[in-house]
Amino acid sequence: MEPEFPRLNNYPYKEVFYFDGQIVLMKRVYKNQSHDSIGMRWMVGESKSGYPNIYGKFMWMVVLNKLASFILEGIFSDLEGLSSNIKDFQEFMSALNMTREIKV
């Protein structure tokens, strides 16, 4: 059974698109930005809330597009080995294409 992923008012999302048992990825607009961004969390750690967290409260880390591109391209390069971790393939491809289109 998968853990419950945090849902914050300032970073709402449809569903996570990648979870490998430790790392979670999702795509959504953060606060008042004009574009989507990739959010990431580690679901393991010294506390039940994983990382990042502030005073024990769940948080999502907004990943810079350049880093998000490296992460998603790495997953894409090993689709055969990592496909079982992709929870929503359409959302994964949308996120990957987004990182490819944004000029850094």
PDB file of N, CA and C in Angstrom:
ATOM      1  N   MET A   1       0.832  -1.183   0.000  1.00  0.00           N
ATOM      2  CA  MET A   1       0.000   0.000   0.000  1.00  0.00           C
ATOM      3  C   MET A   1       0.881   1.252   0.000  1.00  0.00           C
ATOM      4  N   GLU A   2       0.527   2.198  -0.864  1.00  0.00           N
ATOM      5  CA  GLU A   2       1.305   3.427  -0.954  1.00  0.00           C
ATOM      6  C   GLU A   2       0.940   4.378   0.181  1.00  0.00           C
ATOM      7  N   PRO A   3       1.913   5.181   0.607  1.00  0.00           N
ATOM      8  CA  PRO A   3       1.620   6.160   1.654  1.00  0.00           C
ATOM      9  C   PRO A   3       0.698   7.256   1.125  1.00  0.00           C
ATOM     10  N   GLU A   4       0.143   8.007   2.041  1.00  0.00           N
ATOM     11  CA  GLU A   4      -0.661   9.158   1.647  1.00  0.00           C
ATOM     12  C   GLU A   4       0.294  10.319   1.398  1.00  0.00           C
ATOM     13  N   PHE A   5       0.170  10.920   0.239  1.00  0.00           N
ATOM     14  CA  PHE A   5       1.051  12.021  -0.114  1.00  0.00           C
ATOM     15  C   PHE A   5       0.424  13.338   0.332  1.00  0.00           C
ATOM     16  N   PRO A   6       1.244  14.271   0.822  1.00  0.00           N
ATOM     17  CA  PRO A   6       0.695  15.524   1.338  1.00  0.00           C
ATOM     18  C   PRO A   6       0.032  16.365   0.254  1.00  0.00           C
ATOM     19  N   ARG A   7      -1.051  16.991   0.617  1.00  0.00           N
ATOM     20  CA  ARG A   7      -1.762  17.915  -0.282  1.00  0.00           C
ATOM     21  C   ARG A   7      -1.813  19.271   0.421  1.00  0.00           C
ATOM     22  N   LEU A   8      -1.079  20.213  -0.142  1.00  0.00           N
ATOM     23  CA  LEU A   8      -0.982  21.545   0.444  1.00  0.00           C
ATOM     24  C   LEU A   8      -1.795  22.540  -0.371  1.00  0.00           C
ATOM     25  N   ASN A   9      -2.361  23.513   0.288  1.00  0.00           N
ATOM     26  CA  ASN A   9      -3.185  24.505  -0.402  1.00  0.00           C
ATOM     27  C   ASN A   9      -2.400  25.330  -1.412  1.00  0.00           C
ATOM     28  N   ASN A  10      -1.121  25.612  -1.130  1.00  0.00           N
ATOM     29  CA  ASN A  10      -0.346  26.451  -2.036  1.00  0.00           C
ATOM     30  C   ASN A  10       0.326  25.663  -3.163  1.00  0.00           C
ATOM     31  N   TYR A  11       0.136  24.352  -3.202  1.00  0.00           N
ATOM     32  CA  TYR A  11       0.752  23.530  -4.255  1.00  0.00           C
ATOM     33  C   TYR A  11      -0.171  22.350  -4.559  1.00  0.00           C
ATOM     34  N   PRO A  12      -1.415  22.631  -4.979  1.00  0.00           N
ATOM     35  CA  PRO A  12      -2.368  21.546  -5.258  1.00  0.00           C
ATOM     36  C   PRO A  12      -1.986  20.781  -6.521  1.00  0.00           C
ATOM     37  N   TYR A  13      -2.282  19.520  -6.562  1.00  0.00           N
ATOM     38  CA  TYR A  13      -1.960  18.697  -7.729  1.00  0.00           C
ATOM     39  C   TYR A  13      -3.017  17.619  -7.890  1.00  0.00           C
ATOM     40  N   LYS A  14      -3.072  17.074  -9.118  1.00  0.00           N
ATOM     41  CA  LYS A  14      -4.053  16.029  -9.421  1.00  0.00           C
ATOM     42  C   LYS A  14      -3.641  14.734  -8.734  1.00  0.00           C
ATOM     43  N   GLU A  15      -2.539  14.166  -9.137  1.00  0.00           N
ATOM     44  CA  GLU A  15      -1.990  12.941  -8.555  1.00  0.00           C
ATOM     45  C   GLU A  15      -0.478  12.940  -8.757  1.00  0.00           C
ATOM     46  N   VAL A  16       0.224  12.161  -7.946  1.00  0.00           N
ATOM     47  CA  VAL A  16       1.647  11.991  -8.201  1.00  0.00           C
ATOM     48  C   VAL A  16       1.788  11.157  -9.473  1.00  0.00           C
ATOM     49  N   PHE A  17       2.846  11.414 -10.243  1.00  0.00           N
ATOM     50  CA  PHE A  17       3.034  10.614 -11.455  1.00  0.00           C
ATOM     51  C   PHE A  17       4.191   9.632 -11.327  1.00  0.00           C
ATOM     52  N   TYR A  18       4.979   9.744 -10.248  1.00  0.00           N
ATOM     53  CA  TYR A  18       6.109   8.827 -10.069  1.00  0.00           C
ATOM     54  C   TYR A  18       6.310   8.573  -8.582  1.00  0.00           C
ATOM     55  N   PHE A  19       6.477   7.304  -8.230  1.00  0.00           N
ATOM     56  CA  PHE A  19       6.799   6.938  -6.853  1.00  0.00           C
ATOM     57  C   PHE A  19       7.556   5.626  -6.881  1.00  0.00           C
ATOM     58  N   ASP A  20       8.787   5.641  -6.372  1.00  0.00           N
ATOM     59  CA  ASP A  20       9.612   4.433  -6.392  1.00  0.00           C
ATOM     60  C   ASP A  20       9.775   3.804  -5.008  1.00  0.00           C
ATOM     61  N   GLY A  21       8.939   4.214  -4.076  1.00  0.00           N
ATOM     62  CA  GLY A  21       9.046   3.716  -2.711  1.00  0.00           C
ATOM     63  C   GLY A  21       9.748   4.699  -1.798  1.00  0.00           C
ATOM     64  N   GLN A  22      10.492   5.628  -2.392  1.00  0.00           N
ATOM     65  CA  GLN A  22      11.192   6.646  -1.620  1.00  0.00           C
ATOM     66  C   GLN A  22      10.939   8.049  -2.157  1.00  0.00           C
ATOM     67  N   ILE A  23      11.072   8.210  -3.461  1.00  0.00           N
ATOM     68  CA  ILE A  23      10.953   9.522  -4.095  1.00  0.00           C
ATOM     69  C   ILE A  23       9.603   9.647  -4.785  1.00  0.00           C
ATOM     70  N   VAL A  24       8.970  10.802  -4.609  1.00  0.00           N
ATOM     71  CA  VAL A  24       7.671  11.094  -5.213  1.00  0.00           C
ATOM     72  C   VAL A  24       7.816  12.339  -6.085  1.00  0.00           C
ATOM     73  N   LEU A  25       7.219  12.293  -7.279  1.00  0.00           N
ATOM     74  CA  LEU A  25       7.222  13.446  -8.179  1.00  0.00           C
ATOM     75  C   LEU A  25       5.796  13.783  -8.590  1.00  0.00           C
ATOM     76  N   MET A  26       5.524  15.071  -8.726  1.00  0.00           N
ATOM     77  CA  MET A  26       4.233  15.537  -9.228  1.00  0.00           C
ATOM     78  C   MET A  26       4.448  16.829 -10.003  1.00  0.00           C
ATOM     79  N   LYS A  27       3.421  17.244 -10.753  1.00  0.00           N
ATOM     80  CA  LYS A  27       3.502  18.465 -11.561  1.00  0.00           C
ATOM     81  C   LYS A  27       2.290  19.329 -11.262  1.00  0.00           C
ATOM     82  N   ARG A  28       2.555  20.596 -10.993  1.00  0.00           N
ATOM     83  CA  ARG A  28       1.458  21.519 -10.718  1.00  0.00           C
ATOM     84  C   ARG A  28       1.979  22.943 -10.645  1.00  0.00           C
ATOM     85  N   VAL A  29       1.071  23.899 -10.647  1.00  0.00           N
ATOM     86  CA  VAL A  29       1.434  25.308 -10.487  1.00  0.00           C
ATOM     87  C   VAL A  29       1.677  25.576  -9.004  1.00  0.00           C
ATOM     88  N   TYR A  30       2.824  26.162  -8.686  1.00  0.00           N
ATOM     89  CA  TYR A  30       3.150  26.508  -7.309  1.00  0.00           C
ATOM     90  C   TYR A  30       2.739  27.954  -7.042  1.00  0.00           C
ATOM     91  N   LYS A  31       1.952  28.142  -6.017  1.00  0.00           N
ATOM     92  CA  LYS A  31       1.446  29.457  -5.609  1.00  0.00           C
ATOM     93  C   LYS A  31       0.885  30.200  -6.810  1.00  0.00           C
ATOM     94  N   ASN A  32       1.437  31.354  -7.127  1.00  0.00           N
ATOM     95  CA  ASN A  32       0.892  32.189  -8.201  1.00  0.00           C
ATOM     96  C   ASN A  32       1.768  32.206  -9.443  1.00  0.00           C
ATOM     97  N   GLN A  33       2.581  31.178  -9.645  1.00  0.00           N
ATOM     98  CA  GLN A  33       3.411  31.134 -10.845  1.00  0.00           C
ATOM     99  C   GLN A  33       2.524  31.037 -12.079  1.00  0.00           C
ATOM    100  N   SER A  34       3.088  31.399 -13.219  1.00  0.00           N
ATOM    101  CA  SER A  34       2.330  31.360 -14.473  1.00  0.00           C
ATOM    102  C   SER A  34       2.517  30.041 -15.218  1.00  0.00           C
ATOM    103  N   HIS A  35       3.249  29.109 -14.623  1.00  0.00           N
ATOM    104  CA  HIS A  35       3.531  27.841 -15.297  1.00  0.00           C
ATOM    105  C   HIS A  35       3.612  26.704 -14.283  1.00  0.00           C
ATOM    106  N   ASP A  36       3.497  25.486 -14.791  1.00  0.00           N
ATOM    107  CA  ASP A  36       3.655  24.310 -13.934  1.00  0.00           C
ATOM    108  C   ASP A  36       5.108  24.154 -13.522  1.00  0.00           C
ATOM    109  N   SER A  37       5.313  23.459 -12.437  1.00  0.00           N
ATOM    110  CA  SER A  37       6.653  23.093 -11.993  1.00  0.00           C
ATOM    111  C   SER A  37       6.585  21.679 -11.429  1.00  0.00           C
ATOM    112  N   ILE A  38       7.746  21.085 -11.242  1.00  0.00           N
ATOM    113  CA  ILE A  38       7.836  19.735 -10.690  1.00  0.00           C
ATOM    114  C   ILE A  38       8.046  19.840  -9.184  1.00  0.00           C
ATOM    115  N   GLY A  39       7.255  19.073  -8.444  1.00  0.00           N
ATOM    116  CA  GLY A  39       7.408  18.985  -7.001  1.00  0.00           C
ATOM    117  C   GLY A  39       7.987  17.623  -6.642  1.00  0.00           C
ATOM    118  N   MET A  40       8.813  17.588  -5.604  1.00  0.00           N
ATOM    119  CA  MET A  40       9.488  16.344  -5.229  1.00  0.00           C
ATOM    120  C   MET A  40       9.518  16.223  -3.712  1.00  0.00           C
ATOM    121  N   ARG A  41       9.416  14.969  -3.234  1.00  0.00           N
ATOM    122  CA  ARG A  41       9.540  14.644  -1.812  1.00  0.00           C
ATOM    123  C   ARG A  41      10.269  13.319  -1.650  1.00  0.00           C
ATOM    124  N   TRP A  42      10.930  13.172  -0.528  1.00  0.00           N
ATOM    125  CA  TRP A  42      11.473  11.884  -0.107  1.00  0.00           C
ATOM    126  C   TRP A  42      10.532  11.384   0.976  1.00  0.00           C
ATOM    127  N   MET A  43      10.008  10.203   0.810  1.00  0.00           N
ATOM    128  CA  MET A  43       9.019   9.676   1.754  1.00  0.00           C
ATOM    129  C   MET A  43       9.655   8.818   2.844  1.00  0.00           C
ATOM    130  N   VAL A  44      10.958   8.844   2.936  1.00  0.00           N
ATOM    131  CA  VAL A  44      11.665   8.106   3.979  1.00  0.00           C
ATOM    132  C   VAL A  44      12.512   9.099   4.760  1.00  0.00           C
ATOM    133  N   GLY A  45      12.896   8.726   5.943  1.00  0.00           N
ATOM    134  CA  GLY A  45      13.741   9.597   6.736  1.00  0.00           C
ATOM    135  C   GLY A  45      13.616   9.282   8.206  1.00  0.00           C
ATOM    136  N   GLU A  46      14.155  10.169   8.998  1.00  0.00           N
ATOM    137  CA  GLU A  46      14.141   9.979  10.442  1.00  0.00           C
ATOM    138  C   GLU A  46      12.754  10.180  11.043  1.00  0.00           C
ATOM    139  N   SER A  47      11.893  10.894  10.327  1.00  0.00           N
ATOM    140  CA  SER A  47      10.540  11.124  10.838  1.00  0.00           C
ATOM    141  C   SER A  47       9.515  10.574   9.855  1.00  0.00           C
ATOM    142  N   LYS A  48       8.286  10.397  10.312  1.00  0.00           N
ATOM    143  CA  LYS A  48       7.221   9.883   9.454  1.00  0.00           C
ATOM    144  C   LYS A  48       6.863  10.848   8.337  1.00  0.00           C
ATOM    145  N   SER A  49       7.163  12.123   8.531  1.00  0.00           N
ATOM    146  CA  SER A  49       6.771  13.114   7.537  1.00  0.00           C
ATOM    147  C   SER A  49       7.726  13.183   6.353  1.00  0.00           C
ATOM    148  N   GLY A  50       8.833  12.449   6.373  1.00  0.00           N
ATOM    149  CA  GLY A  50       9.760  12.475   5.248  1.00  0.00           C
ATOM    150  C   GLY A  50      10.393  13.845   5.086  1.00  0.00           C
ATOM    151  N   TYR A  51      10.914  14.106   3.895  1.00  0.00           N
ATOM    152  CA  TYR A  51      11.587  15.378   3.622  1.00  0.00           C
ATOM    153  C   TYR A  51      11.115  15.927   2.295  1.00  0.00           C
ATOM    154  N   PRO A  52      11.027  17.211   2.114  1.00  0.00           N
ATOM    155  CA  PRO A  52      11.240  18.196   3.170  1.00  0.00           C
ATOM    156  C   PRO A  52      10.027  18.312   4.082  1.00  0.00           C
ATOM    157  N   ASN A  53      10.310  18.795   5.278  1.00  0.00           N
ATOM    158  CA  ASN A  53       9.246  19.120   6.223  1.00  0.00           C
ATOM    159  C   ASN A  53       9.724  20.281   7.081  1.00  0.00           C
ATOM    160  N   ILE A  54       8.778  21.037   7.554  1.00  0.00           N
ATOM    161  CA  ILE A  54       9.094  22.159   8.428  1.00  0.00           C
ATOM    162  C   ILE A  54       8.298  21.967   9.706  1.00  0.00           C
ATOM    163  N   TYR A  55       9.032  21.803  10.812  1.00  0.00           N
ATOM    164  CA  TYR A  55       8.408  21.574  12.114  1.00  0.00           C
ATOM    165  C   TYR A  55       7.428  20.409  12.065  1.00  0.00           C
ATOM    166  N   GLY A  56       7.813  19.352  11.332  1.00  0.00           N
ATOM    167  CA  GLY A  56       6.999  18.149  11.259  1.00  0.00           C
ATOM    168  C   GLY A  56       5.844  18.209  10.278  1.00  0.00           C
ATOM    169  N   LYS A  57       5.739  19.300   9.527  1.00  0.00           N
ATOM    170  CA  LYS A  57       4.660  19.435   8.545  1.00  0.00           C
ATOM    171  C   LYS A  57       5.195  19.126   7.154  1.00  0.00           C
ATOM    172  N   PHE A  58       4.416  18.354   6.412  1.00  0.00           N
ATOM    173  CA  PHE A  58       4.799  17.963   5.062  1.00  0.00           C
ATOM    174  C   PHE A  58       5.003  19.175   4.170  1.00  0.00           C
ATOM    175  N   MET A  59       5.977  19.089   3.292  1.00  0.00           N
ATOM    176  CA  MET A  59       6.237  20.122   2.295  1.00  0.00           C
ATOM    177  C   MET A  59       6.602  19.432   0.983  1.00  0.00           C
ATOM    178  N   TRP A  60       6.483  20.142  -0.106  1.00  0.00           N
ATOM    179  CA  TRP A  60       6.991  19.703  -1.398  1.00  0.00           C
ATOM    180  C   TRP A  60       8.138  20.625  -1.759  1.00  0.00           C
ATOM    181  N   MET A  61       9.181  20.090  -2.355  1.00  0.00           N
ATOM    182  CA  MET A  61      10.274  20.908  -2.853  1.00  0.00           C
ATOM    183  C   MET A  61       9.985  21.207  -4.318  1.00  0.00           C
ATOM    184  N   VAL A  62       9.972  22.486  -4.686  1.00  0.00           N
ATOM    185  CA  VAL A  62       9.822  22.867  -6.081  1.00  0.00           C
ATOM    186  C   VAL A  62      11.190  22.691  -6.731  1.00  0.00           C
ATOM    187  N   VAL A  63      11.246  21.839  -7.743  1.00  0.00           N
ATOM    188  CA  VAL A  63      12.511  21.494  -8.389  1.00  0.00           C
ATOM    189  C   VAL A  63      12.759  22.457  -9.551  1.00  0.00           C
ATOM    190  N   LEU A  64      13.936  23.053  -9.588  1.00  0.00           N
ATOM    191  CA  LEU A  64      14.295  23.913 -10.717  1.00  0.00           C
ATOM    192  C   LEU A  64      14.174  23.122 -12.013  1.00  0.00           C
ATOM    193  N   ASN A  65      13.741  23.783 -13.077  1.00  0.00           N
ATOM    194  CA  ASN A  65      13.463  23.096 -14.333  1.00  0.00           C
ATOM    195  C   ASN A  65      14.674  22.323 -14.856  1.00  0.00           C
ATOM    196  N   LYS A  66      15.867  22.887 -14.752  1.00  0.00           N
ATOM    197  CA  LYS A  66      17.071  22.207 -15.255  1.00  0.00           C
ATOM    198  C   LYS A  66      17.274  20.875 -14.519  1.00  0.00           C
ATOM    199  N   LEU A  67      17.133  20.891 -13.204  1.00  0.00           N
ATOM    200  CA  LEU A  67      17.280  19.667 -12.416  1.00  0.00           C
ATOM    201  C   LEU A  67      16.141  18.698 -12.706  1.00  0.00           C
ATOM    202  N   ALA A  68      14.917  19.222 -12.812  1.00  0.00           N
ATOM    203  CA  ALA A  68      13.764  18.376 -13.146  1.00  0.00           C
ATOM    204  C   ALA A  68      13.984  17.689 -14.483  1.00  0.00           C
ATOM    205  N   SER A  69      14.574  18.410 -15.429  1.00  0.00           N
ATOM    206  CA  SER A  69      14.861  17.839 -16.742  1.00  0.00           C
ATOM    207  C   SER A  69      15.813  16.650 -16.621  1.00  0.00           C
ATOM    208  N   PHE A  70      16.874  16.807 -15.839  1.00  0.00           N
ATOM    209  CA  PHE A  70      17.830  15.705 -15.647  1.00  0.00           C
ATOM    210  C   PHE A  70      17.149  14.494 -15.002  1.00  0.00           C
ATOM    211  N   ILE A  71      16.328  14.738 -14.000  1.00  0.00           N
ATOM    212  CA  ILE A  71      15.638  13.648 -13.299  1.00  0.00           C
ATOM    213  C   ILE A  71      14.699  12.907 -14.246  1.00  0.00           C
ATOM    214  N   LEU A  72      13.847  13.658 -14.949  1.00  0.00           N
ATOM    215  CA  LEU A  72      12.856  13.034 -15.830  1.00  0.00           C
ATOM    216  C   LEU A  72      13.496  12.373 -17.040  1.00  0.00           C
ATOM    217  N   GLU A  73      14.530  12.983 -17.604  1.00  0.00           N
ATOM    218  CA  GLU A  73      15.239  12.356 -18.727  1.00  0.00           C
ATOM    219  C   GLU A  73      15.909  11.062 -18.269  1.00  0.00           C
ATOM    220  N   GLY A  74      16.421  11.046 -17.036  1.00  0.00           N
ATOM    221  CA  GLY A  74      17.018   9.828 -16.497  1.00  0.00           C
ATOM    222  C   GLY A  74      16.002   8.707 -16.358  1.00  0.00           C
ATOM    223  N   ILE A  75      14.819   9.044 -15.875  1.00  0.00           N
ATOM    224  CA  ILE A  75      13.748   8.045 -15.774  1.00  0.00           C
ATOM    225  C   ILE A  75      13.358   7.570 -17.165  1.00  0.00           C
ATOM    226  N   PHE A  76      13.211   8.522 -18.097  1.00  0.00           N
ATOM    227  CA  PHE A  76      12.806   8.191 -19.464  1.00  0.00           C
ATOM    228  C   PHE A  76      13.831   7.281 -20.147  1.00  0.00           C
ATOM    229  N   SER A  77      15.121   7.491 -19.847  1.00  0.00           N
ATOM    230  CA  SER A  77      16.168   6.683 -20.482  1.00  0.00           C
ATOM    231  C   SER A  77      16.148   5.233 -20.003  1.00  0.00           C
ATOM    232  N   ASP A  78      15.471   4.960 -18.892  1.00  0.00           N
ATOM    233  CA  ASP A  78      15.358   3.595 -18.375  1.00  0.00           C
ATOM    234  C   ASP A  78      13.885   3.228 -18.158  1.00  0.00           C
ATOM    235  N   LEU A  79      13.059   3.529 -19.156  1.00  0.00           N
ATOM    236  CA  LEU A  79      11.625   3.244 -19.033  1.00  0.00           C
ATOM    237  C   LEU A  79      11.342   1.781 -18.740  1.00  0.00           C
ATOM    238  N   GLU A  80      12.103   0.902 -19.355  1.00  0.00           N
ATOM    239  CA  GLU A  80      11.866  -0.528 -19.147  1.00  0.00           C
ATOM    240  C   GLU A  80      12.056  -0.905 -17.679  1.00  0.00           C
ATOM    241  N   GLY A  81      13.106  -0.383 -17.072  1.00  0.00           N
ATOM    242  CA  GLY A  81      13.392  -0.723 -15.681  1.00  0.00           C
ATOM    243  C   GLY A  81      12.560   0.042 -14.667  1.00  0.00           C
ATOM    244  N   LEU A  82      12.123   1.245 -15.027  1.00  0.00           N
ATOM    245  CA  LEU A  82      11.438   2.108 -14.063  1.00  0.00           C
ATOM    246  C   LEU A  82       9.945   2.293 -14.326  1.00  0.00           C
ATOM    247  N   SER A  83       9.417   1.646 -15.352  1.00  0.00           N
ATOM    248  CA  SER A  83       8.015   1.877 -15.734  1.00  0.00           C
ATOM    249  C   SER A  83       7.031   1.532 -14.615  1.00  0.00           C
ATOM    250  N   SER A  84       7.365   0.578 -13.768  1.00  0.00           N
ATOM    251  CA  SER A  84       6.435   0.218 -12.684  1.00  0.00           C
ATOM    252  C   SER A  84       6.321   1.332 -11.639  1.00  0.00           C
ATOM    253  N   ASN A  85       7.282   2.254 -11.626  1.00  0.00           N
ATOM    254  CA  ASN A  85       7.243   3.381 -10.690  1.00  0.00           C
ATOM    255  C   ASN A  85       6.423   4.551 -11.224  1.00  0.00           C
ATOM    256  N   ILE A  86       6.133   4.536 -12.513  1.00  0.00           N
ATOM    257  CA  ILE A  86       5.362   5.618 -13.119  1.00  0.00           C
ATOM    258  C   ILE A  86       3.884   5.332 -12.880  1.00  0.00           C
ATOM    259  N   LYS A  87       3.261   6.166 -12.077  1.00  0.00           N
ATOM    260  CA  LYS A  87       1.865   5.960 -11.674  1.00  0.00           C
ATOM    261  C   LYS A  87       0.882   6.530 -12.683  1.00  0.00           C
ATOM    262  N   ASP A  88       1.298   7.539 -13.424  1.00  0.00           N
ATOM    263  CA  ASP A  88       0.451   8.169 -14.436  1.00  0.00           C
ATOM    264  C   ASP A  88       1.352   8.518 -15.612  1.00  0.00           C
ATOM    265  N   PHE A  89       1.380   7.634 -16.621  1.00  0.00           N
ATOM    266  CA  PHE A  89       2.314   7.800 -17.730  1.00  0.00           C
ATOM    267  C   PHE A  89       2.030   9.078 -18.508  1.00  0.00           C
ATOM    268  N   GLN A  90       0.774   9.402 -18.712  1.00  0.00           N
ATOM    269  CA  GLN A  90       0.426  10.615 -19.452  1.00  0.00           C
ATOM    270  C   GLN A  90       0.939  11.860 -18.717  1.00  0.00           C
ATOM    271  N   GLU A  91       0.780  11.891 -17.416  1.00  0.00           N
ATOM    272  CA  GLU A  91       1.261  13.030 -16.617  1.00  0.00           C
ATOM    273  C   GLU A  91       2.790  13.067 -16.608  1.00  0.00           C
ATOM    274  N   PHE A  92       3.432  11.895 -16.568  1.00  0.00           N
ATOM    275  CA  PHE A  92       4.894  11.836 -16.646  1.00  0.00           C
ATOM    276  C   PHE A  92       5.376  12.437 -17.960  1.00  0.00           C
ATOM    277  N   MET A  93       4.766  12.024 -19.078  1.00  0.00           N
ATOM    278  CA  MET A  93       5.176  12.539 -20.388  1.00  0.00           C
ATOM    279  C   MET A  93       4.888  14.034 -20.505  1.00  0.00           C
ATOM    280  N   SER A  94       3.789  14.483 -19.925  1.00  0.00           N
ATOM    281  CA  SER A  94       3.476  15.910 -19.922  1.00  0.00           C
ATOM    282  C   SER A  94       4.557  16.689 -19.169  1.00  0.00           C
ATOM    283  N   ALA A  95       4.986  16.167 -18.026  1.00  0.00           N
ATOM    284  CA  ALA A  95       6.041  16.811 -17.243  1.00  0.00           C
ATOM    285  C   ALA A  95       7.362  16.801 -18.007  1.00  0.00           C
ATOM    286  N   LEU A  96       7.686  15.682 -18.628  1.00  0.00           N
ATOM    287  CA  LEU A  96       8.923  15.580 -19.403  1.00  0.00           C
ATOM    288  C   LEU A  96       8.911  16.577 -20.554  1.00  0.00           C
ATOM    289  N   ASN A  97       7.823  16.633 -21.293  1.00  0.00           N
ATOM    290  CA  ASN A  97       7.722  17.578 -22.408  1.00  0.00           C
ATOM    291  C   ASN A  97       7.791  19.019 -21.922  1.00  0.00           C
ATOM    292  N   MET A  98       7.207  19.293 -20.772  1.00  0.00           N
ATOM    293  CA  MET A  98       7.278  20.638 -20.201  1.00  0.00           C
ATOM    294  C   MET A  98       8.727  21.042 -19.948  1.00  0.00           C
ATOM    295  N   THR A  99       9.521  20.130 -19.370  1.00  0.00           N
ATOM    296  CA  THR A  99      10.920  20.470 -19.083  1.00  0.00           C
ATOM    297  C   THR A  99      11.722  20.618 -20.367  1.00  0.00           C
ATOM    298  N   ARG A 100      11.337  19.918 -21.407  1.00  0.00           N
ATOM    299  CA  ARG A 100      12.030  20.033 -22.690  1.00  0.00           C
ATOM    300  C   ARG A 100      11.715  21.352 -23.388  1.00  0.00           C
ATOM    301  N   GLU A 101      10.523  21.884 -23.160  1.00  0.00           N
ATOM    302  CA  GLU A 101      10.083  23.102 -23.848  1.00  0.00           C
ATOM    303  C   GLU A 101      10.526  24.381 -23.162  1.00  0.00           C
ATOM    304  N   ILE A 102      10.691  24.352 -21.851  1.00  0.00           N
ATOM    305  CA  ILE A 102      11.054  25.571 -21.114  1.00  0.00           C
ATOM    306  C   ILE A 102      12.527  25.873 -21.336  1.00  0.00           C
ATOM    307  N   LYS A 103      12.788  27.090 -21.762  1.00  0.00           N
ATOM    308  CA  LYS A 103      14.171  27.535 -21.958  1.00  0.00           C
ATOM    309  C   LYS A 103      14.731  27.973 -20.613  1.00  0.00           C
ATOM    310  N   VAL A 104      15.923  27.472 -20.298  1.00  0.00           N
ATOM    311  CA  VAL A 104      16.540  27.785 -19.005  1.00  0.00           C
ATOM    312  C   VAL A 104      17.488  28.941 -19.164  1.00  0.00           C
TER     313      VAL A 104
END
